[in-house]
Amino acid sequence: MTRPLTCSICGGRDFANHKVLWPALIAEWQLTQDEASYVDRQQGCVCTACGTNLRGIALGDAVRQFFNTELPLQDAVQTGSFDSVRVLDANGVPGLSAVFSKLPNYLRRDFPGIDLQALDFGDASFDLIIHSDTLEHVPQPRLALEECRRVLAPSGRLCFTAPIIVGRMTRNRAGLPPSYHGQATDEAADYVVHSEFGADLWTLVLAAGFSDVALNHVDYPAAVAISAWDAVSAQPSARSTDDVEAASAERQSSRV
């Protein structure tokens, strides 16, 4: 039985659909009719309440898993339980970024203003890093993932999406005519596509050094989000306020 489509950001169940692909991009990507259909849904099926599309909803599900909550994220952040979580939003996601912006330790740095291949942050600076449909525009995506791992805290998590064609393997577009995402008229450098990702994208995460990877999907194969983390002695999860206070009390006790 197909589960009802519910927005992970606001809990909405009303969605609108519109096409986002254009013939030239479909030809460049060599998409079949079925592939073009589910990519259109990934990008163009939008929650009417908060404006989040399917890829953002899949990303929201990945974040909820990290937060260990079943609440819509707009309700979860209002509990105060995640105020201590240091979040890096590396490109902005409609709906999701607006919710995260209410967290006190949220930082947004949009690509290409942020260089994912050389992040200007120290090691272990963040508990959660998110980016959506950005990695395909990075010349060296493995290096970008390695950098995300470097600036994550030991129990931190990377959650991201990238357009995935599930019936093929990843290919690099080096030597092929330039292809751009965005709108049909967008040809800015940050829209150029360096990688067309296939079902093997998860292997790039492990190659970057992460020990664990998980997938969250919405209306498969339309939208798949990937989570990556390094296994530690404790279950990797966001640090709640209670966790931080307990750790502080323990440190104070050890000094007595």
C-alpha atoms as a PDB file:
ATOM      1  CA  MET A   1       0.000   0.000   0.000  1.00  0.00           C
ATOM      2  CA  THR A   2       1.330   3.439  -0.925  1.00  0.00           C
ATOM      3  CA  ARG A   3       1.664   5.685   2.111  1.00  0.00           C
ATOM      4  CA  PRO A   4      -0.042   9.073   1.857  1.00  0.00           C
ATOM      5  CA  LEU A   5       2.277  11.892   0.866  1.00  0.00           C
ATOM      6  CA  THR A   6       2.877  14.134   3.881  1.00  0.00           C
ATOM      7  CA  CYS A   7       5.198  17.121   4.087  1.00  0.00           C
ATOM      8  CA  SER A   8       7.999  16.563   6.602  1.00  0.00           C
ATOM      9  CA  ILE A   9       8.351  20.312   7.040  1.00  0.00           C
ATOM     10  CA  CYS A  10       4.794  21.413   7.901  1.00  0.00           C
ATOM     11  CA  GLY A  11       2.702  18.229   7.895  1.00  0.00           C
ATOM     12  CA  GLY A  12       0.695  19.371   4.866  1.00  0.00           C
ATOM     13  CA  ARG A  13      -1.006  16.877   2.560  1.00  0.00           C
ATOM     14  CA  ASP A  14      -2.027  19.081  -0.345  1.00  0.00           C
ATOM     15  CA  PHE A  15       0.376  19.231  -3.294  1.00  0.00           C
ATOM     16  CA  ALA A  16       0.546  20.984  -6.628  1.00  0.00           C
ATOM     17  CA  ASN A  17       2.455  19.727  -9.668  1.00  0.00           C
ATOM     18  CA  HIS A  18       4.183  21.537 -12.489  1.00  0.00           C
ATOM     19  CA  LYS A  19       6.812  20.557 -15.038  1.00  0.00           C
ATOM     20  CA  VAL A  20      10.339  21.881 -14.617  1.00  0.00           C
ATOM     21  CA  LEU A  21      12.348  20.054 -17.296  1.00  0.00           C
ATOM     22  CA  TRP A  22      12.732  21.368 -20.830  1.00  0.00           C
ATOM     23  CA  PRO A  23      13.428  19.369 -24.022  1.00  0.00           C
ATOM     24  CA  ALA A  24      17.094  20.350 -24.382  1.00  0.00           C
ATOM     25  CA  LEU A  25      17.931  19.254 -20.823  1.00  0.00           C
ATOM     26  CA  ILE A  26      16.034  15.984 -21.253  1.00  0.00           C
ATOM     27  CA  ALA A  27      18.098  15.326 -24.391  1.00  0.00           C
ATOM     28  CA  GLU A  28      21.407  16.269 -22.730  1.00  0.00           C
ATOM     29  CA  TRP A  29      20.645  14.004 -19.796  1.00  0.00           C
ATOM     30  CA  GLN A  30      19.372  11.295 -22.185  1.00  0.00           C
ATOM     31  CA  LEU A  31      16.309  10.743 -20.043  1.00  0.00           C
ATOM     32  CA  THR A  32      13.574   8.267 -20.877  1.00  0.00           C
ATOM     33  CA  GLN A  33       9.968   9.368 -20.563  1.00  0.00           C
ATOM     34  CA  ASP A  34       9.664   7.652 -17.164  1.00  0.00           C
ATOM     35  CA  GLU A  35      12.891   9.230 -15.912  1.00  0.00           C
ATOM     36  CA  ALA A  36      11.823  12.690 -17.005  1.00  0.00           C
ATOM     37  CA  SER A  37       8.479  12.138 -15.281  1.00  0.00           C
ATOM     38  CA  TYR A  38       9.951  11.341 -11.869  1.00  0.00           C
ATOM     39  CA  VAL A  39      12.562  14.102 -12.086  1.00  0.00           C
ATOM     40  CA  ASP A  40       9.712  16.512 -12.805  1.00  0.00           C
ATOM     41  CA  ARG A  41       7.937  15.236  -9.693  1.00  0.00           C
ATOM     42  CA  GLN A  42      11.111  15.539  -7.618  1.00  0.00           C
ATOM     43  CA  GLN A  43      11.452  19.203  -8.511  1.00  0.00           C
ATOM     44  CA  GLY A  44       7.924  20.303  -9.349  1.00  0.00           C
ATOM     45  CA  CYS A  45       5.623  18.540  -6.867  1.00  0.00           C
ATOM     46  CA  VAL A  46       5.263  21.176  -4.138  1.00  0.00           C
ATOM     47  CA  CYS A  47       3.500  21.346  -0.767  1.00  0.00           C
ATOM     48  CA  THR A  48       0.911  24.097  -1.165  1.00  0.00           C
ATOM     49  CA  ALA A  49       1.195  25.078   2.516  1.00  0.00           C
ATOM     50  CA  CYS A  50       4.954  25.719   2.826  1.00  0.00           C
ATOM     51  CA  GLY A  51       6.328  25.543  -0.716  1.00  0.00           C
ATOM     52  CA  THR A  52       8.678  22.604  -0.159  1.00  0.00           C
ATOM     53  CA  ASN A  53       9.155  20.257  -3.110  1.00  0.00           C
ATOM     54  CA  LEU A  54       9.633  16.492  -2.922  1.00  0.00           C
ATOM     55  CA  ARG A  55      13.427  16.611  -2.682  1.00  0.00           C
ATOM     56  CA  GLY A  56      13.130  19.037   0.241  1.00  0.00           C
ATOM     57  CA  ILE A  57      10.582  16.780   1.902  1.00  0.00           C
ATOM     58  CA  ALA A  58      12.918  13.781   1.542  1.00  0.00           C
ATOM     59  CA  LEU A  59      15.699  15.894   3.036  1.00  0.00           C
ATOM     60  CA  GLY A  60      13.376  16.860   5.876  1.00  0.00           C
ATOM     61  CA  ASP A  61      12.717  13.181   6.587  1.00  0.00           C
ATOM     62  CA  ALA A  62      16.467  12.574   6.804  1.00  0.00           C
ATOM     63  CA  VAL A  63      16.809  15.449   9.275  1.00  0.00           C
ATOM     64  CA  ARG A  64      13.877  14.201  11.353  1.00  0.00           C
ATOM     65  CA  GLN A  65      15.606  10.846  11.598  1.00  0.00           C
ATOM     66  CA  PHE A  66      18.722  12.594  12.888  1.00  0.00           C
ATOM     67  CA  PHE A  67      16.632  14.632  15.333  1.00  0.00           C
ATOM     68  CA  ASN A  68      14.824  11.430  16.337  1.00  0.00           C
ATOM     69  CA  THR A  69      11.424  13.070  16.014  1.00  0.00           C
ATOM     70  CA  GLU A  70       8.226  12.336  14.100  1.00  0.00           C
ATOM     71  CA  LEU A  71       7.002  15.923  14.418  1.00  0.00           C
ATOM     72  CA  PRO A  72       6.916  18.137  11.342  1.00  0.00           C
ATOM     73  CA  LEU A  73      10.157  20.084  11.482  1.00  0.00           C
ATOM     74  CA  GLN A  74       8.396  23.436  11.917  1.00  0.00           C
ATOM     75  CA  ASP A  75       6.932  22.056  15.166  1.00  0.00           C
ATOM     76  CA  ALA A  76      10.105  20.248  16.228  1.00  0.00           C
ATOM     77  CA  VAL A  77      12.270  23.367  16.159  1.00  0.00           C
ATOM     78  CA  GLN A  78       9.745  25.217  18.331  1.00  0.00           C
ATOM     79  CA  THR A  79      10.218  22.755  21.205  1.00  0.00           C
ATOM     80  CA  GLY A  80      13.669  24.185  21.956  1.00  0.00           C
ATOM     81  CA  SER A  81      15.148  20.688  22.102  1.00  0.00           C
ATOM     82  CA  PHE A  82      17.429  21.370  19.144  1.00  0.00           C
ATOM     83  CA  ASP A  83      18.599  24.892  19.975  1.00  0.00           C
ATOM     84  CA  SER A  84      22.122  23.645  20.641  1.00  0.00           C
ATOM     85  CA  VAL A  85      22.467  21.963  17.216  1.00  0.00           C
ATOM     86  CA  ARG A  86      24.985  23.786  15.030  1.00  0.00           C
ATOM     87  CA  VAL A  87      23.587  23.747  11.488  1.00  0.00           C
ATOM     88  CA  LEU A  88      25.328  24.628   8.228  1.00  0.00           C
ATOM     89  CA  ASP A  89      22.915  25.129   5.334  1.00  0.00           C
ATOM     90  CA  ALA A  90      25.140  25.123   2.257  1.00  0.00           C
ATOM     91  CA  ASN A  91      22.659  26.207  -0.391  1.00  0.00           C
ATOM     92  CA  GLY A  92      19.172  26.823   0.943  1.00  0.00           C
ATOM     93  CA  VAL A  93      16.072  24.674   0.442  1.00  0.00           C
ATOM     94  CA  PRO A  94      12.631  26.269  -0.043  1.00  0.00           C
ATOM     95  CA  GLY A  95      10.538  25.644   3.073  1.00  0.00           C
ATOM     96  CA  LEU A  96      13.217  23.763   4.991  1.00  0.00           C
ATOM     97  CA  SER A  97      15.658  26.665   5.252  1.00  0.00           C
ATOM     98  CA  ALA A  98      12.923  28.977   6.537  1.00  0.00           C
ATOM     99  CA  VAL A  99      12.234  26.544   9.382  1.00  0.00           C
ATOM    100  CA  PHE A 100      15.917  26.042  10.221  1.00  0.00           C
ATOM    101  CA  SER A 101      16.520  29.792  10.282  1.00  0.00           C
ATOM    102  CA  LYS A 102      14.633  29.861  13.602  1.00  0.00           C
ATOM    103  CA  LEU A 103      17.360  27.794  15.271  1.00  0.00           C
ATOM    104  CA  PRO A 104      19.875  29.970  17.166  1.00  0.00           C
ATOM    105  CA  ASN A 105      22.912  28.094  15.827  1.00  0.00           C
ATOM    106  CA  TYR A 106      21.887  28.085  12.164  1.00  0.00           C
ATOM    107  CA  LEU A 107      24.250  29.372   9.476  1.00  0.00           C
ATOM    108  CA  ARG A 108      23.340  29.691   5.806  1.00  0.00           C
ATOM    109  CA  ARG A 109      26.049  30.099   3.177  1.00  0.00           C
ATOM    110  CA  ASP A 110      24.761  29.664  -0.369  1.00  0.00           C
ATOM    111  CA  PHE A 111      26.731  27.905  -3.112  1.00  0.00           C
ATOM    112  CA  PRO A 112      28.795  29.063  -5.002  1.00  0.00           C
ATOM    113  CA  GLY A 113      29.569  31.694  -2.374  1.00  0.00           C
ATOM    114  CA  ILE A 114      30.602  28.802  -0.179  1.00  0.00           C
ATOM    115  CA  ASP A 115      33.363  26.602  -1.622  1.00  0.00           C
ATOM    116  CA  LEU A 116      32.321  23.064  -0.721  1.00  0.00           C
ATOM    117  CA  GLN A 117      35.734  21.795  -1.815  1.00  0.00           C
ATOM    118  CA  ALA A 118      37.544  24.031   0.705  1.00  0.00           C
ATOM    119  CA  LEU A 119      35.219  24.941   3.560  1.00  0.00           C
ATOM    120  CA  ASP A 120      36.476  27.875   5.597  1.00  0.00           C
ATOM    121  CA  PHE A 121      35.539  26.325   8.952  1.00  0.00           C
ATOM    122  CA  GLY A 122      37.569  24.488  11.530  1.00  0.00           C
ATOM    123  CA  ASP A 123      37.301  20.784  12.217  1.00  0.00           C
ATOM    124  CA  ALA A 124      34.145  19.624  14.056  1.00  0.00           C
ATOM    125  CA  SER A 125      32.391  22.992  13.653  1.00  0.00           C
ATOM    126  CA  PHE A 126      28.876  21.658  12.982  1.00  0.00           C
ATOM    127  CA  ASP A 127      26.466  18.983  14.171  1.00  0.00           C
ATOM    128  CA  LEU A 128      24.371  18.978  10.988  1.00  0.00           C
ATOM    129  CA  ILE A 129      25.194  19.967   7.408  1.00  0.00           C
ATOM    130  CA  ILE A 130      22.532  20.116   4.710  1.00  0.00           C
ATOM    131  CA  HIS A 131      22.687  20.855   1.007  1.00  0.00           C
ATOM    132  CA  SER A 132      20.219  20.058  -1.730  1.00  0.00           C
ATOM    133  CA  ASP A 133      20.856  19.471  -5.448  1.00  0.00           C
ATOM    134  CA  THR A 134      24.229  21.150  -5.177  1.00  0.00           C
ATOM    135  CA  LEU A 135      26.803  18.356  -5.377  1.00  0.00           C
ATOM    136  CA  GLU A 136      26.295  17.856  -9.114  1.00  0.00           C
ATOM    137  CA  HIS A 137      27.596  21.394  -9.677  1.00  0.00           C
ATOM    138  CA  VAL A 138      30.849  20.815  -7.767  1.00  0.00           C
ATOM    139  CA  PRO A 139      33.839  19.818  -9.937  1.00  0.00           C
ATOM    140  CA  GLN A 140      35.149  17.329  -7.354  1.00  0.00           C
ATOM    141  CA  PRO A 141      32.140  16.000  -5.419  1.00  0.00           C
ATOM    142  CA  ARG A 142      34.190  13.505  -3.399  1.00  0.00           C
ATOM    143  CA  LEU A 143      36.385  16.332  -2.121  1.00  0.00           C
ATOM    144  CA  ALA A 144      33.245  18.265  -1.149  1.00  0.00           C
ATOM    145  CA  LEU A 145      31.994  15.284   0.848  1.00  0.00           C
ATOM    146  CA  GLU A 146      35.400  14.914   2.517  1.00  0.00           C
ATOM    147  CA  GLU A 147      35.257  18.571   3.541  1.00  0.00           C
ATOM    148  CA  CYS A 148      31.761  18.129   4.966  1.00  0.00           C
ATOM    149  CA  ARG A 149      33.043  15.181   6.994  1.00  0.00           C
ATOM    150  CA  ARG A 150      35.969  17.218   8.271  1.00  0.00           C
ATOM    151  CA  VAL A 151      33.846  20.038   9.666  1.00  0.00           C
ATOM    152  CA  LEU A 152      31.265  17.710  11.229  1.00  0.00           C
ATOM    153  CA  ALA A 153      31.407  16.944  14.944  1.00  0.00           C
ATOM    154  CA  PRO A 154      32.090  13.271  15.808  1.00  0.00           C
ATOM    155  CA  SER A 155      28.358  12.585  16.249  1.00  0.00           C
ATOM    156  CA  GLY A 156      27.292  14.925  13.446  1.00  0.00           C
ATOM    157  CA  ARG A 157      25.449  14.136  10.259  1.00  0.00           C
ATOM    158  CA  LEU A 158      25.434  15.228   6.650  1.00  0.00           C
ATOM    159  CA  CYS A 159      22.031  15.181   4.927  1.00  0.00           C
ATOM    160  CA  PHE A 160      21.802  16.042   1.236  1.00  0.00           C
ATOM    161  CA  THR A 161      20.059  15.432  -2.049  1.00  0.00           C
ATOM    162  CA  ALA A 162      21.269  15.322  -5.625  1.00  0.00           C
ATOM    163  CA  PRO A 163      19.338  14.448  -8.789  1.00  0.00           C
ATOM    164  CA  ILE A 164      19.654  10.659  -9.135  1.00  0.00           C
ATOM    165  CA  ILE A 165      18.713   8.562 -12.150  1.00  0.00           C
ATOM    166  CA  VAL A 166      18.275   5.229 -10.431  1.00  0.00           C
ATOM    167  CA  GLY A 167      18.593   3.040 -13.519  1.00  0.00           C
ATOM    168  CA  ARG A 168      22.136   4.073 -14.414  1.00  0.00           C
ATOM    169  CA  MET A 169      25.574   4.710 -12.952  1.00  0.00           C
ATOM    170  CA  THR A 170      27.141   8.091 -12.315  1.00  0.00           C
ATOM    171  CA  ARG A 171      28.935   9.761 -15.200  1.00  0.00           C
ATOM    172  CA  ASN A 172      31.196  12.813 -15.306  1.00  0.00           C
ATOM    173  CA  ARG A 173      30.324  15.335 -18.011  1.00  0.00           C
ATOM    174  CA  ALA A 174      33.960  16.200 -18.762  1.00  0.00           C
ATOM    175  CA  GLY A 175      34.363  16.395 -22.528  1.00  0.00           C
ATOM    176  CA  LEU A 176      30.613  16.725 -23.132  1.00  0.00           C
ATOM    177  CA  PRO A 177      28.865  19.958 -24.168  1.00  0.00           C
ATOM    178  CA  PRO A 178      28.005  22.135 -21.147  1.00  0.00           C
ATOM    179  CA  SER A 179      24.698  21.300 -19.469  1.00  0.00           C
ATOM    180  CA  TYR A 180      22.929  23.573 -17.008  1.00  0.00           C
ATOM    181  CA  HIS A 181      20.229  23.120 -14.371  1.00  0.00           C
ATOM    182  CA  GLY A 182      17.907  25.846 -13.115  1.00  0.00           C
ATOM    183  CA  GLN A 183      15.872  27.376 -15.943  1.00  0.00           C
ATOM    184  CA  ALA A 184      16.213  26.845 -19.683  1.00  0.00           C
ATOM    185  CA  THR A 185      17.968  30.215 -19.990  1.00  0.00           C
ATOM    186  CA  ASP A 186      20.365  29.746 -17.028  1.00  0.00           C
ATOM    187  CA  GLU A 187      23.982  29.394 -18.124  1.00  0.00           C
ATOM    188  CA  ALA A 188      25.793  30.847 -15.108  1.00  0.00           C
ATOM    189  CA  ALA A 189      28.870  28.970 -13.885  1.00  0.00           C
ATOM    190  CA  ASP A 190      27.120  27.756 -10.723  1.00  0.00           C
ATOM    191  CA  TYR A 191      24.391  26.062 -12.811  1.00  0.00           C
ATOM    192  CA  VAL A 192      26.779  24.001 -14.944  1.00  0.00           C
ATOM    193  CA  VAL A 193      26.561  20.261 -14.272  1.00  0.00           C
ATOM    194  CA  HIS A 194      29.798  18.384 -13.639  1.00  0.00           C
ATOM    195  CA  SER A 195      28.294  15.030 -12.570  1.00  0.00           C
ATOM    196  CA  GLU A 196      25.129  13.179 -13.510  1.00  0.00           C
ATOM    197  CA  PHE A 197      24.514  10.924 -10.546  1.00  0.00           C
ATOM    198  CA  GLY A 198      23.174   7.403 -10.742  1.00  0.00           C
ATOM    199  CA  ALA A 199      22.340   4.635  -8.295  1.00  0.00           C
ATOM    200  CA  ASP A 200      25.976   4.406  -7.140  1.00  0.00           C
ATOM    201  CA  LEU A 201      26.053   7.850  -5.493  1.00  0.00           C
ATOM    202  CA  TRP A 202      26.127   6.249  -2.047  1.00  0.00           C
ATOM    203  CA  THR A 203      29.531   4.727  -2.862  1.00  0.00           C
ATOM    204  CA  LEU A 204      30.996   8.222  -3.210  1.00  0.00           C
ATOM    205  CA  VAL A 205      29.909   8.921   0.376  1.00  0.00           C
ATOM    206  CA  LEU A 206      31.839   5.910   1.663  1.00  0.00           C
ATOM    207  CA  ALA A 207      34.820   6.781  -0.542  1.00  0.00           C
ATOM    208  CA  ALA A 208      34.870  10.175   1.177  1.00  0.00           C
ATOM    209  CA  GLY A 209      35.500   8.423   4.486  1.00  0.00           C
ATOM    210  CA  PHE A 210      32.079   8.212   6.128  1.00  0.00           C
ATOM    211  CA  SER A 211      31.432   4.923   7.884  1.00  0.00           C
ATOM    212  CA  ASP A 212      27.633   4.876   7.538  1.00  0.00           C
ATOM    213  CA  VAL A 213      25.124   5.926   4.913  1.00  0.00           C
ATOM    214  CA  ALA A 214      21.310   5.832   4.873  1.00  0.00           C
ATOM    215  CA  LEU A 215      18.600   6.676   2.344  1.00  0.00           C
ATOM    216  CA  ASN A 216      15.234   8.372   2.847  1.00  0.00           C
ATOM    217  CA  HIS A 217      12.836   8.420  -0.088  1.00  0.00           C
ATOM    218  CA  VAL A 218       9.584  10.127  -0.987  1.00  0.00           C
ATOM    219  CA  ASP A 219       7.439   8.770  -3.803  1.00  0.00           C
ATOM    220  CA  TYR A 220      10.330   6.553  -4.965  1.00  0.00           C
ATOM    221  CA  PRO A 221      12.149   7.007  -7.258  1.00  0.00           C
ATOM    222  CA  ALA A 222      11.205  10.680  -7.406  1.00  0.00           C
ATOM    223  CA  ALA A 223      13.100  11.945  -4.381  1.00  0.00           C
ATOM    224  CA  VAL A 224      15.910  10.312  -2.414  1.00  0.00           C
ATOM    225  CA  ALA A 225      17.872  11.976   0.396  1.00  0.00           C
ATOM    226  CA  ILE A 226      21.220  10.646   1.599  1.00  0.00           C
ATOM    227  CA  SER A 227      22.497  10.796   5.175  1.00  0.00           C
ATOM    228  CA  ALA A 228      26.123  10.167   6.108  1.00  0.00           C
ATOM    229  CA  TRP A 229      27.887   9.944   9.445  1.00  0.00           C
ATOM    230  CA  ASP A 230      30.744   8.296  11.287  1.00  0.00           C
ATOM    231  CA  ALA A 231      29.820   5.620  13.775  1.00  0.00           C
ATOM    232  CA  VAL A 232      30.720   6.484  17.366  1.00  0.00           C
ATOM    233  CA  SER A 233      30.126   4.687  20.626  1.00  0.00           C
ATOM    234  CA  ALA A 234      26.807   6.492  21.052  1.00  0.00           C
ATOM    235  CA  GLN A 235      24.003   6.396  18.502  1.00  0.00           C
ATOM    236  CA  PRO A 236      24.605   9.368  16.167  1.00  0.00           C
ATOM    237  CA  SER A 237      21.874  11.898  16.884  1.00  0.00           C
ATOM    238  CA  ALA A 238      21.376  15.590  17.412  1.00  0.00           C
ATOM    239  CA  ARG A 239      22.415  16.913  20.798  1.00  0.00           C
ATOM    240  CA  SER A 240      19.322  17.927  22.722  1.00  0.00           C
ATOM    241  CA  THR A 241      19.368  20.613  25.393  1.00  0.00           C
ATOM    242  CA  ASP A 242      19.102  17.924  28.074  1.00  0.00           C
ATOM    243  CA  ASP A 243      22.119  16.113  26.623  1.00  0.00           C
ATOM    244  CA  VAL A 244      24.217  19.264  26.680  1.00  0.00           C
ATOM    245  CA  GLU A 245      23.207  20.109  30.266  1.00  0.00           C
ATOM    246  CA  ALA A 246      23.913  16.545  31.426  1.00  0.00           C
ATOM    247  CA  ALA A 247      27.358  16.587  29.798  1.00  0.00           C
ATOM    248  CA  SER A 248      28.135  19.924  31.425  1.00  0.00           C
ATOM    249  CA  ALA A 249      27.082  18.650  34.846  1.00  0.00           C
ATOM    250  CA  GLU A 250      29.255  15.570  34.421  1.00  0.00           C
ATOM    251  CA  ARG A 251      32.279  17.703  33.569  1.00  0.00           C
ATOM    252  CA  GLN A 252      31.701  19.898  36.594  1.00  0.00           C
ATOM    253  CA  SER A 253      31.390  16.821  38.814  1.00  0.00           C
ATOM    254  CA  SER A 254      34.663  15.390  37.522  1.00  0.00           C
ATOM    255  CA  ARG A 255      36.494  18.509  38.597  1.00  0.00           C
ATOM    256  CA  VAL A 256      35.372  18.242  42.226  1.00  0.00           C
END
